[in-house]
N, C-alpha and C. Protein backbone atom coordinates (compact mmCIF):
# COMPACT_ATOMS: atom_id res chain seq x y z
N MET A 1 57.15 115.16 12.17
CA MET A 1 56.20 113.88 12.17
C MET A 1 55.74 113.80 11.03
N LYS A 2 55.21 115.46 10.49
CA LYS A 2 54.58 115.09 8.96
C LYS A 2 55.45 114.47 8.08
N LEU A 3 56.42 114.86 8.43
CA LEU A 3 57.35 113.82 6.85
C LEU A 3 56.73 112.40 7.55
N LYS A 4 57.16 111.98 8.46
CA LYS A 4 56.53 110.44 8.77
C LYS A 4 55.20 109.68 8.34
N LEU A 5 54.19 110.51 8.56
CA LEU A 5 53.30 110.46 7.89
C LEU A 5 53.29 110.64 6.89
N LEU A 6 53.74 111.17 5.94
CA LEU A 6 54.10 111.35 4.48
C LEU A 6 54.47 110.36 3.94
N LEU A 7 55.75 109.81 4.69
CA LEU A 7 56.32 108.60 3.98
C LEU A 7 55.50 108.04 4.10
N LEU A 8 54.83 107.23 5.31
CA LEU A 8 54.15 106.06 5.21
C LEU A 8 52.72 106.57 4.68
N ILE A 9 52.07 107.24 4.13
CA ILE A 9 51.58 107.17 2.94
C ILE A 9 52.01 106.79 1.82
N LEU A 10 52.85 107.68 1.31
CA LEU A 10 53.79 106.90 0.03
C LEU A 10 54.05 105.63 0.07
N SER A 11 54.65 105.27 1.31
CA SER A 11 54.72 103.72 0.93
C SER A 11 53.79 103.08 1.48
N PHE A 12 52.68 103.17 1.72
CA PHE A 12 51.09 102.36 1.36
C PHE A 12 50.80 102.53 -0.12
N SER A 13 50.64 103.43 -0.33
CA SER A 13 50.18 103.99 -1.85
C SER A 13 51.32 103.36 -2.71
N VAL A 14 52.39 103.19 -2.56
CA VAL A 14 53.46 102.45 -3.75
C VAL A 14 53.24 101.01 -3.48
N ILE A 15 52.87 100.20 -2.61
CA ILE A 15 52.26 98.95 -2.25
C ILE A 15 50.95 98.19 -2.83
N LEU A 16 49.90 99.51 -2.56
CA LEU A 16 48.64 98.84 -2.92
C LEU A 16 48.80 99.06 -4.71
N PHE A 17 49.34 99.98 -4.95
CA PHE A 17 49.55 100.24 -6.42
C PHE A 17 50.52 99.41 -7.26
N SER A 18 51.20 98.66 -6.74
CA SER A 18 52.48 97.75 -7.52
C SER A 18 51.77 96.70 -7.30
N CYS A 19 50.96 96.20 -6.91
CA CYS A 19 50.51 94.58 -6.38
C CYS A 19 49.77 94.29 -7.69
N LYS A 20 50.24 93.05 -8.38
CA LYS A 20 49.36 92.53 -9.20
C LYS A 20 48.29 91.70 -9.06
N LYS A 21 47.26 91.89 -9.46
CA LYS A 21 46.29 90.49 -9.19
C LYS A 21 46.90 89.15 -10.69
N GLU A 22 46.53 88.17 -9.97
CA GLU A 22 47.07 87.22 -10.59
C GLU A 22 45.86 86.80 -11.19
N LYS A 23 46.14 86.07 -12.45
CA LYS A 23 44.99 85.66 -13.40
C LYS A 23 44.62 84.73 -12.38
N SER A 24 43.31 84.48 -12.91
CA SER A 24 42.78 83.48 -12.63
C SER A 24 42.77 82.18 -13.67
N PRO A 25 42.30 80.87 -13.28
CA PRO A 25 42.59 80.04 -14.24
C PRO A 25 42.07 80.19 -15.87
N GLU A 26 40.67 80.79 -15.24
CA GLU A 26 39.80 80.82 -16.74
C GLU A 26 40.44 81.80 -17.43
N ASP A 27 40.66 83.00 -17.00
CA ASP A 27 41.18 84.28 -17.64
C ASP A 27 42.64 83.33 -18.34
N LYS A 28 43.53 82.54 -18.10
CA LYS A 28 44.52 81.98 -18.56
C LYS A 28 44.52 81.04 -19.73
N LEU A 29 43.11 81.20 -19.86
CA LEU A 29 42.41 79.94 -20.44
C LEU A 29 42.10 80.99 -21.85
N ASP A 30 41.41 81.52 -20.97
CA ASP A 30 40.59 82.94 -22.43
C ASP A 30 41.68 83.17 -23.25
N ASP A 31 43.13 83.93 -22.60
CA ASP A 31 44.05 84.35 -23.37
C ASP A 31 45.04 83.51 -24.47
N ALA A 32 45.17 82.14 -23.42
CA ALA A 32 45.51 81.01 -24.72
C ALA A 32 44.92 80.70 -25.71
N LYS A 33 43.45 80.55 -25.66
CA LYS A 33 42.39 80.55 -26.75
C LYS A 33 42.58 81.93 -27.80
N ASN A 34 43.07 82.99 -27.19
CA ASN A 34 42.61 84.03 -28.55
C ASN A 34 44.40 84.55 -28.70
N GLN A 35 45.49 83.90 -28.06
CA GLN A 35 46.77 83.75 -28.08
C GLN A 35 47.48 83.14 -30.00
N VAL A 36 47.03 81.87 -29.44
CA VAL A 36 47.00 80.75 -30.51
C VAL A 36 46.42 80.63 -31.61
N ILE A 37 45.80 82.32 -31.87
CA ILE A 37 44.90 81.75 -33.06
C ILE A 37 45.49 83.23 -34.19
N GLY A 38 45.70 82.39 -34.99
CA GLY A 38 46.98 82.58 -36.60
C GLY A 38 47.54 81.44 -37.05
N THR A 39 48.99 81.89 -37.73
CA THR A 39 49.51 80.95 -38.07
C THR A 39 50.89 80.41 -37.39
N TRP A 40 51.73 79.33 -37.05
CA TRP A 40 52.63 78.87 -36.34
C TRP A 40 53.59 78.04 -37.64
N ALA A 41 54.83 79.09 -37.12
CA ALA A 41 55.61 78.31 -38.13
C ALA A 41 56.81 77.34 -37.16
N GLY A 42 56.49 75.72 -37.32
CA GLY A 42 57.86 74.59 -36.13
C GLY A 42 59.28 75.30 -36.29
N GLN A 43 59.74 75.70 -35.00
CA GLN A 43 60.99 76.03 -35.41
C GLN A 43 62.35 74.89 -34.63
N ASN A 44 61.53 74.44 -33.72
CA ASN A 44 62.38 73.12 -33.68
C ASN A 44 61.88 72.63 -32.87
N SER A 45 63.12 70.99 -32.68
CA SER A 45 61.68 69.85 -31.74
C SER A 45 62.99 69.35 -31.07
N SER A 46 63.22 68.47 -29.48
CA SER A 46 63.28 68.06 -28.82
C SER A 46 63.44 67.06 -28.36
N ALA A 47 63.50 66.00 -27.95
CA ALA A 47 63.01 64.91 -26.76
C ALA A 47 64.67 64.64 -25.69
N THR A 48 64.07 64.38 -24.59
CA THR A 48 64.83 64.06 -22.99
C THR A 48 63.78 63.70 -22.82
N TYR A 49 65.10 61.90 -22.67
CA TYR A 49 65.08 60.99 -21.64
C TYR A 49 65.07 61.15 -20.44
N TYR A 50 64.50 60.13 -19.50
CA TYR A 50 64.94 60.37 -17.68
C TYR A 50 64.75 58.43 -17.46
N ASP A 51 65.88 58.58 -16.37
CA ASP A 51 65.65 57.11 -16.17
C ASP A 51 64.52 57.42 -14.56
N ALA A 52 64.77 55.92 -14.63
CA ALA A 52 63.28 56.09 -13.17
C ALA A 52 63.76 56.56 -11.90
N SER A 53 64.95 57.31 -12.00
CA SER A 53 65.51 58.58 -11.22
C SER A 53 65.05 59.83 -10.94
N GLY A 54 64.73 59.98 -12.14
CA GLY A 54 64.26 61.49 -12.83
C GLY A 54 65.33 62.63 -13.16
N LYS A 55 66.42 61.20 -13.30
CA LYS A 55 68.06 61.88 -14.04
C LYS A 55 67.40 61.43 -15.25
N VAL A 56 68.26 62.54 -15.80
CA VAL A 56 68.44 62.79 -17.29
C VAL A 56 69.22 62.14 -18.22
N VAL A 57 68.73 61.61 -19.06
CA VAL A 57 70.08 60.57 -19.66
C VAL A 57 70.40 60.93 -20.84
N LYS A 58 70.18 61.20 -21.28
CA LYS A 58 70.05 61.91 -23.09
C LYS A 58 69.44 62.73 -23.30
N THR A 59 69.33 64.27 -24.17
CA THR A 59 68.97 65.00 -25.10
C THR A 59 68.91 64.97 -26.75
N GLU A 60 68.40 64.67 -27.85
CA GLU A 60 68.59 65.45 -28.88
C GLU A 60 67.70 65.73 -29.21
N HIS A 61 68.02 66.83 -30.61
CA HIS A 61 67.52 67.78 -31.29
C HIS A 61 66.61 66.65 -32.38
N LEU A 62 65.33 66.70 -32.51
CA LEU A 62 64.80 66.01 -33.43
C LEU A 62 64.55 66.93 -35.41
N SER A 63 64.57 66.25 -35.91
CA SER A 63 64.42 67.34 -36.96
C SER A 63 62.72 67.15 -37.18
N ILE A 64 63.12 68.52 -37.37
CA ILE A 64 61.51 68.86 -37.88
C ILE A 64 61.64 69.52 -39.06
N ASN A 65 60.59 69.31 -40.16
CA ASN A 65 60.00 69.91 -41.55
C ASN A 65 59.98 71.42 -41.14
N ASP A 66 60.95 71.63 -42.42
CA ASP A 66 61.35 73.11 -42.46
C ASP A 66 59.81 73.94 -42.76
N ASN A 67 58.95 73.49 -44.13
CA ASN A 67 57.84 73.69 -44.26
C ASN A 67 56.50 73.28 -43.01
N LEU A 68 56.75 72.85 -41.79
CA LEU A 68 55.73 72.59 -40.83
C LEU A 68 55.29 74.02 -40.15
N GLN A 69 53.79 74.32 -41.16
CA GLN A 69 53.65 75.64 -40.08
C GLN A 69 51.82 74.73 -39.83
N ILE A 70 51.09 75.58 -38.91
CA ILE A 70 49.85 75.50 -37.92
C ILE A 70 49.28 76.48 -38.06
N GLN A 71 48.42 76.18 -38.81
CA GLN A 71 47.34 77.38 -38.79
C GLN A 71 46.08 77.56 -37.64
N PHE A 72 45.55 78.12 -36.60
CA PHE A 72 44.90 78.38 -35.48
C PHE A 72 43.85 79.21 -36.25
N LEU A 73 42.53 78.71 -37.08
CA LEU A 73 41.41 78.74 -37.49
C LEU A 73 40.42 79.96 -36.60
N ASN A 74 40.09 79.58 -35.83
CA ASN A 74 39.81 80.12 -34.58
C ASN A 74 39.80 79.50 -33.38
N THR A 75 38.76 79.02 -32.30
CA THR A 75 38.72 78.45 -31.32
C THR A 75 38.74 77.25 -31.42
N THR A 76 38.20 76.22 -32.47
CA THR A 76 37.50 75.04 -32.11
C THR A 76 38.87 74.43 -33.71
N THR A 77 39.12 74.85 -34.81
CA THR A 77 39.73 74.89 -35.54
C THR A 77 41.24 75.07 -36.20
N LEU A 78 41.77 74.03 -36.98
CA LEU A 78 43.21 74.36 -36.68
C LEU A 78 43.79 73.76 -38.23
N LYS A 79 44.40 74.06 -39.03
CA LYS A 79 44.91 73.03 -40.23
C LYS A 79 46.14 73.41 -40.49
N GLY A 80 46.81 71.97 -40.87
CA GLY A 80 48.33 71.94 -40.80
C GLY A 80 48.82 71.63 -41.87
N SER A 81 49.85 72.05 -42.18
CA SER A 81 50.56 72.23 -43.60
C SER A 81 50.48 70.69 -43.98
N ASP A 82 50.46 69.92 -43.64
CA ASP A 82 50.68 68.42 -43.93
C ASP A 82 49.39 67.53 -44.75
N ARG A 83 48.21 68.71 -44.50
CA ARG A 83 47.05 68.37 -44.71
C ARG A 83 46.10 69.75 -44.81
N PRO A 84 46.42 70.99 -45.89
CA PRO A 84 45.56 71.91 -45.81
C PRO A 84 43.98 71.56 -45.71
N ASP A 85 43.69 70.73 -46.78
CA ASP A 85 42.40 71.07 -46.95
C ASP A 85 41.77 70.44 -46.12
N ASP A 86 42.54 69.70 -44.99
CA ASP A 86 41.69 68.95 -44.17
C ASP A 86 41.72 69.12 -42.61
N PRO A 87 40.67 69.74 -42.09
CA PRO A 87 41.15 70.62 -40.56
C PRO A 87 40.88 69.71 -39.87
N TYR A 88 41.61 69.99 -38.47
CA TYR A 88 41.27 69.47 -37.71
C TYR A 88 40.41 69.88 -36.20
N ASN A 89 39.54 69.21 -35.54
CA ASN A 89 38.91 70.29 -34.39
C ASN A 89 40.16 70.21 -33.23
N TYR A 90 39.60 71.50 -32.13
CA TYR A 90 41.11 70.83 -31.07
C TYR A 90 39.92 71.73 -30.20
N THR A 91 40.72 71.47 -29.10
CA THR A 91 40.22 72.04 -27.90
C THR A 91 42.18 72.72 -27.10
N ILE A 92 41.05 73.59 -26.20
CA ILE A 92 42.28 73.68 -25.40
C ILE A 92 41.57 73.66 -24.06
N SER A 93 41.70 73.58 -22.39
CA SER A 93 41.83 73.30 -21.00
C SER A 93 42.63 73.49 -20.50
N ASN A 94 42.36 73.49 -18.99
CA ASN A 94 42.85 74.17 -18.06
C ASN A 94 42.90 72.92 -16.99
N VAL A 95 43.97 71.83 -16.89
CA VAL A 95 44.08 70.75 -16.33
C VAL A 95 44.89 70.53 -15.31
N ASP A 96 44.70 71.26 -13.54
CA ASP A 96 45.72 70.87 -12.54
C ASP A 96 46.65 72.25 -13.09
N GLY A 97 45.82 73.52 -13.22
CA GLY A 97 46.94 74.30 -13.46
C GLY A 97 47.77 74.64 -14.48
N LYS A 98 47.80 73.35 -15.51
CA LYS A 98 48.27 73.41 -16.80
C LYS A 98 47.78 74.27 -18.28
N LEU A 99 47.87 74.48 -18.97
CA LEU A 99 47.20 74.45 -20.01
C LEU A 99 47.47 72.90 -21.14
N ARG A 100 46.34 72.39 -21.65
CA ARG A 100 46.45 70.74 -22.13
C ARG A 100 45.54 71.54 -23.73
N LEU A 101 46.49 71.15 -24.73
CA LEU A 101 46.35 70.85 -26.14
C LEU A 101 45.64 69.90 -26.42
N ASN A 102 45.04 69.63 -26.75
CA ASN A 102 44.26 68.13 -27.36
C ASN A 102 43.64 68.46 -28.87
N VAL A 103 44.17 67.71 -29.82
CA VAL A 103 44.14 67.42 -31.17
C VAL A 103 44.85 65.91 -31.71
N SER A 104 43.29 65.44 -32.11
CA SER A 104 43.53 64.48 -32.99
C SER A 104 43.99 63.50 -32.26
N GLY A 105 43.50 62.96 -30.59
CA GLY A 105 43.69 62.08 -29.99
C GLY A 105 44.51 62.13 -29.37
N GLU A 106 45.69 63.00 -29.11
CA GLU A 106 46.61 63.27 -28.75
C GLU A 106 46.49 64.60 -27.67
N SER A 107 47.00 64.79 -26.25
CA SER A 107 46.97 65.88 -25.60
C SER A 107 48.32 66.02 -25.56
N TYR A 108 48.71 67.29 -25.42
CA TYR A 108 49.77 68.59 -25.52
C TYR A 108 50.02 69.39 -24.19
N GLU A 109 50.50 69.77 -23.35
CA GLU A 109 51.19 70.36 -22.47
C GLU A 109 51.55 71.59 -23.65
N LEU A 110 50.24 72.71 -23.28
CA LEU A 110 50.42 73.93 -24.15
C LEU A 110 51.21 74.71 -23.29
N LYS A 111 51.99 75.73 -24.30
CA LYS A 111 53.17 77.14 -23.25
C LYS A 111 52.46 78.13 -24.97
N VAL A 112 52.22 79.30 -24.56
CA VAL A 112 52.23 80.20 -25.42
C VAL A 112 51.94 81.73 -24.65
N ASN A 113 53.12 82.14 -25.81
CA ASN A 113 53.39 83.47 -25.20
C ASN A 113 53.97 84.52 -26.41
N ASN A 114 52.92 85.06 -26.36
CA ASN A 114 53.02 86.14 -27.73
C ASN A 114 53.23 85.38 -28.57
N ASN A 115 54.59 85.46 -29.12
CA ASN A 115 54.82 85.06 -30.58
C ASN A 115 55.31 83.72 -30.71
N THR A 116 55.77 82.94 -29.41
CA THR A 116 56.36 82.18 -29.16
C THR A 116 55.21 80.53 -28.05
N MET A 117 54.99 79.69 -28.85
CA MET A 117 54.31 78.44 -28.82
C MET A 117 54.98 77.15 -28.42
N SER A 118 54.73 76.88 -27.22
CA SER A 118 55.39 75.22 -26.93
C SER A 118 54.65 74.04 -26.65
N TRP A 119 54.44 73.45 -27.65
CA TRP A 119 53.69 71.64 -27.52
C TRP A 119 54.61 70.56 -26.78
N ILE A 120 54.29 70.26 -25.61
CA ILE A 120 55.20 69.39 -24.77
C ILE A 120 54.49 67.93 -24.80
N ILE A 121 55.08 66.80 -24.60
CA ILE A 121 54.31 65.76 -24.63
C ILE A 121 54.76 64.32 -23.92
N GLU A 122 54.88 64.07 -22.55
CA GLU A 122 55.27 63.15 -22.05
C GLU A 122 55.15 61.37 -22.49
N THR A 123 55.98 60.78 -22.07
CA THR A 123 55.60 59.52 -22.66
C THR A 123 56.27 57.98 -22.15
N GLU A 124 56.19 57.46 -21.49
CA GLU A 124 56.42 56.81 -20.39
C GLU A 124 57.23 55.43 -21.60
N ILE A 125 58.43 54.99 -21.60
CA ILE A 125 58.31 53.61 -22.76
C ILE A 125 59.62 53.36 -21.44
N ASN A 126 60.01 52.24 -21.99
CA ASN A 126 60.94 51.14 -21.49
C ASN A 126 61.91 50.62 -22.08
N ILE A 127 63.28 51.56 -22.29
CA ILE A 127 63.89 50.80 -23.34
C ILE A 127 65.87 51.26 -22.47
N ASP A 128 66.15 50.25 -22.01
CA ASP A 128 67.01 50.44 -20.78
C ASP A 128 66.66 50.80 -20.06
N THR A 129 67.33 51.82 -19.72
CA THR A 129 67.16 52.50 -18.32
C THR A 129 66.65 53.80 -18.51
N ILE A 130 66.06 54.13 -19.66
CA ILE A 130 65.31 54.85 -19.91
C ILE A 130 63.25 53.98 -19.44
N VAL A 131 62.86 55.30 -18.76
CA VAL A 131 61.50 54.84 -18.54
C VAL A 131 60.34 56.69 -18.42
N LYS A 132 61.27 57.11 -19.26
CA LYS A 132 60.12 58.43 -19.58
C LYS A 132 61.07 59.34 -20.56
N SER A 133 60.46 60.04 -21.68
CA SER A 133 60.67 60.84 -22.56
C SER A 133 59.56 61.99 -22.64
N VAL A 134 60.40 63.28 -22.86
CA VAL A 134 59.66 64.67 -22.88
C VAL A 134 60.35 65.12 -24.35
N THR A 135 59.22 65.27 -25.14
CA THR A 135 59.46 65.74 -26.54
C THR A 135 58.41 67.00 -26.58
N THR A 136 59.59 68.25 -27.04
CA THR A 136 59.03 69.83 -27.21
C THR A 136 58.90 70.03 -28.81
N ILE A 137 57.68 70.72 -29.06
CA ILE A 137 58.32 70.95 -30.71
C ILE A 137 57.72 72.58 -30.10
N GLN A 138 58.81 73.48 -30.68
CA GLN A 138 58.75 74.82 -31.03
C GLN A 138 57.87 75.58 -31.79
N PHE A 139 57.55 76.59 -32.09
CA PHE A 139 56.80 77.28 -32.97
C PHE A 139 56.91 78.85 -32.72
N LYS A 140 56.92 79.80 -33.84
CA LYS A 140 57.11 81.18 -33.81
C LYS A 140 55.55 81.48 -34.98
N LYS A 141 55.50 82.45 -33.69
CA LYS A 141 53.77 82.88 -35.21
C LYS A 141 54.81 83.83 -36.00
N ILE A 142 53.85 83.68 -37.37
CA ILE A 142 53.85 84.15 -37.91
C ILE A 142 53.32 85.38 -39.07
């Protein structure tokens, strides 16, 4: 009987302390705002094209400037290697559970995890059977 009680207590303890608290949207937003600060180098870019049914029509690698760098100076200002003396204002927001990066009139879905960052933009198009393109630019923190 004591063994069963001990096992029950141990099981309960393991369950209680192994559960992770899910971060709130505000916490995720704050984390992202802090994680982007620093200098990022462009790694690669691709575009995936979809038909009306959502089926992938084609995916292609897009060329990226080997010297592309983005420097997030603080939580509101960034500089690009294309115009290092002309900073851009930006915002990061949480829209429907997804992080959004807004800079220079464009809105990108932002994914950031330690030393990697992706900017993703969806564009509606109408070329032959293609109705949508999803372009992804990937960066690495340097």
